């Protein structure tokens, strides 16, 4: 039997929103009664219409937003009791828009190396070797490591916030985030 990684039962997340200046507040049910499980090695894709609660549910499952009711467990432990570093070593989101997922002030090498640092799997030399191997396997040059990702899709060299960017295709940026 596979190991259960995420176990969410009857998860609900409400927000209090204003109905207008003189009309008071009301509860908005962003997520209502979600049950799901994810076993080790499985991939979960949240798919649905705009505004249906995908991002809210993802934030709850990642422990970034508390649920209003229900339970979320990671490896049998309540998600809110899991230390941040342990959580980052166990579960990772991949966002749809690669440009909003990356910090444009960081180099590509530092972005790719961060998970290795979090996992504690590599010293500096080993990290450089792994980065070189990874970029070579995706037919990218080692020069890519010192470049920065433009904060928007573009097809020419741009300057933004006093940083020069060599623009990359959306496909290349998606490879970087994965």
Foldseek 3Di string as FASTA:
>chain_A
DFQWFKWWFQFWAWDWDQPDDPPGIDIDTLDGGDTDIDTPPDDDDDDDDPSNNSVVVVCCQLVNDPTPDTFMDGRNHTNVPDDPLNSLLRDDDQDDQLLVVDDQVAALLCLLCVNVVSNVPDDPVRSLVVVCVLCVVVVHHPVSRRFGEPSDADCAWDADPNDIHGYDHSVVSSSSRD
